[in-house]
Every structure is written in C-alpha cells, then in structure tokens.
Amino acid sequence: MSPMIKRNAGLGPHHALTVIVTAVIAAVVAYVVLGWLVGLVAFLIKTAVVLFVVVAAVALVLRWARRP
C-alpha cells in the first residue's frame, strides 16, 4: 500500500474541524430561524387576542347602547 492511499483513508484534523465548524454554523442558523418563527407566531397570536378584545368591547358597547 502506498503512503498516499493510507493517508487519505480517514478524516484528517482539518476535515474534522470543517465538520465541527459546519455543525456549529448550522446550529446557530437553526436557532435564529426557529427564534424568528416562534416570535412571528407569538406576534400573530397576540394580534389575534387584541383584535378579539377590541371586537368584544365594541360589541358590548353597541349592545348596551341599543337597550331601551
């Protein structure tokens, strides 16, 4: 077996570092994307709750105003 074939048989230290850096970058990107997604969902839920409260308040005021 020639030394060239034996040396390329496994991952070298630079390849392992590349894999680790790629995994860290992927984890950071996933964290940011999931954080953004959770924030967007929370914003939409809060907006829906506020709109529901406003509509309910207007309905109660209009119902009270119609009473003789």
Protein backbone atom coordinates (compact mmCIF):
# COMPACT_ATOMS: atom_id res chain seq x y z
CA MET A 1 0.00 0.00 0.00
CA SER A 2 1.44 3.37 -0.91
CA PRO A 3 1.62 6.18 1.68
CA MET A 4 -0.72 8.35 -0.40
CA ILE A 5 -3.58 5.84 -0.20
CA LYS A 6 -3.02 5.23 3.52
CA ARG A 7 -3.02 8.96 4.32
CA ASN A 8 -6.35 9.62 2.57
CA ALA A 9 -8.13 6.66 4.20
CA GLY A 10 -9.61 8.67 7.11
CA LEU A 11 -10.57 12.19 8.04
CA GLY A 12 -7.66 14.44 8.80
CA PRO A 13 -7.66 17.08 11.52
CA HIS A 14 -8.67 19.80 9.05
CA HIS A 15 -11.63 17.76 7.85
CA ALA A 16 -12.82 17.21 11.42
CA LEU A 17 -12.53 20.93 12.09
CA THR A 18 -14.55 21.66 8.96
CA VAL A 19 -17.28 19.27 10.11
CA ILE A 20 -17.37 20.89 13.57
CA VAL A 21 -17.50 24.43 12.18
CA THR A 22 -20.26 23.44 9.75
CA ALA A 23 -22.26 21.86 12.59
CA VAL A 24 -21.88 24.97 14.76
CA ILE A 25 -22.93 27.28 11.92
CA ALA A 26 -25.94 25.05 11.17
CA ALA A 27 -26.95 25.08 14.85
CA VAL A 28 -26.71 28.89 15.02
CA VAL A 29 -28.73 29.31 11.82
CA ALA A 30 -31.38 26.87 13.09
CA TYR A 31 -31.54 28.73 16.42
CA VAL A 32 -32.03 32.08 14.65
CA VAL A 33 -34.63 30.73 12.22
CA LEU A 34 -36.60 28.94 14.95
CA GLY A 35 -36.41 32.01 17.17
CA TRP A 36 -37.73 34.17 14.34
CA LEU A 37 -40.51 31.66 13.64
CA VAL A 38 -41.56 31.46 17.29
CA GLY A 39 -41.51 35.26 17.51
CA LEU A 40 -43.69 35.55 14.42
CA VAL A 41 -46.22 33.03 15.77
CA ALA A 42 -46.30 34.82 19.14
CA PHE A 43 -46.86 38.15 17.39
CA LEU A 44 -49.75 36.73 15.36
CA ILE A 45 -51.35 35.21 18.47
CA LYS A 46 -51.02 38.48 20.41
CA THR A 47 -52.51 40.40 17.49
CA ALA A 48 -55.46 38.00 17.29
CA VAL A 49 -56.09 38.31 21.04
CA VAL A 50 -56.00 42.12 20.89
CA LEU A 51 -58.38 42.16 17.92
CA PHE A 52 -60.74 39.78 19.74
CA VAL A 53 -60.77 42.02 22.83
CA VAL A 54 -61.44 45.12 20.72
CA VAL A 55 -64.28 43.43 18.80
CA ALA A 56 -65.79 42.08 22.03
CA ALA A 57 -65.61 45.52 23.67
CA VAL A 58 -67.26 47.19 20.68
CA ALA A 59 -69.99 44.52 20.61
CA LEU A 60 -70.70 45.03 24.32
CA VAL A 61 -70.84 48.82 23.94
CA LEU A 62 -73.18 48.57 20.95
CA ARG A 63 -75.39 46.06 22.77
CA TRP A 64 -75.53 48.34 25.81
CA ALA A 65 -76.35 51.35 23.60
CA ARG A 66 -79.31 49.55 21.97
CA ARG A 67 -81.03 48.82 25.28
CA PRO A 68 -84.12 51.00 25.91
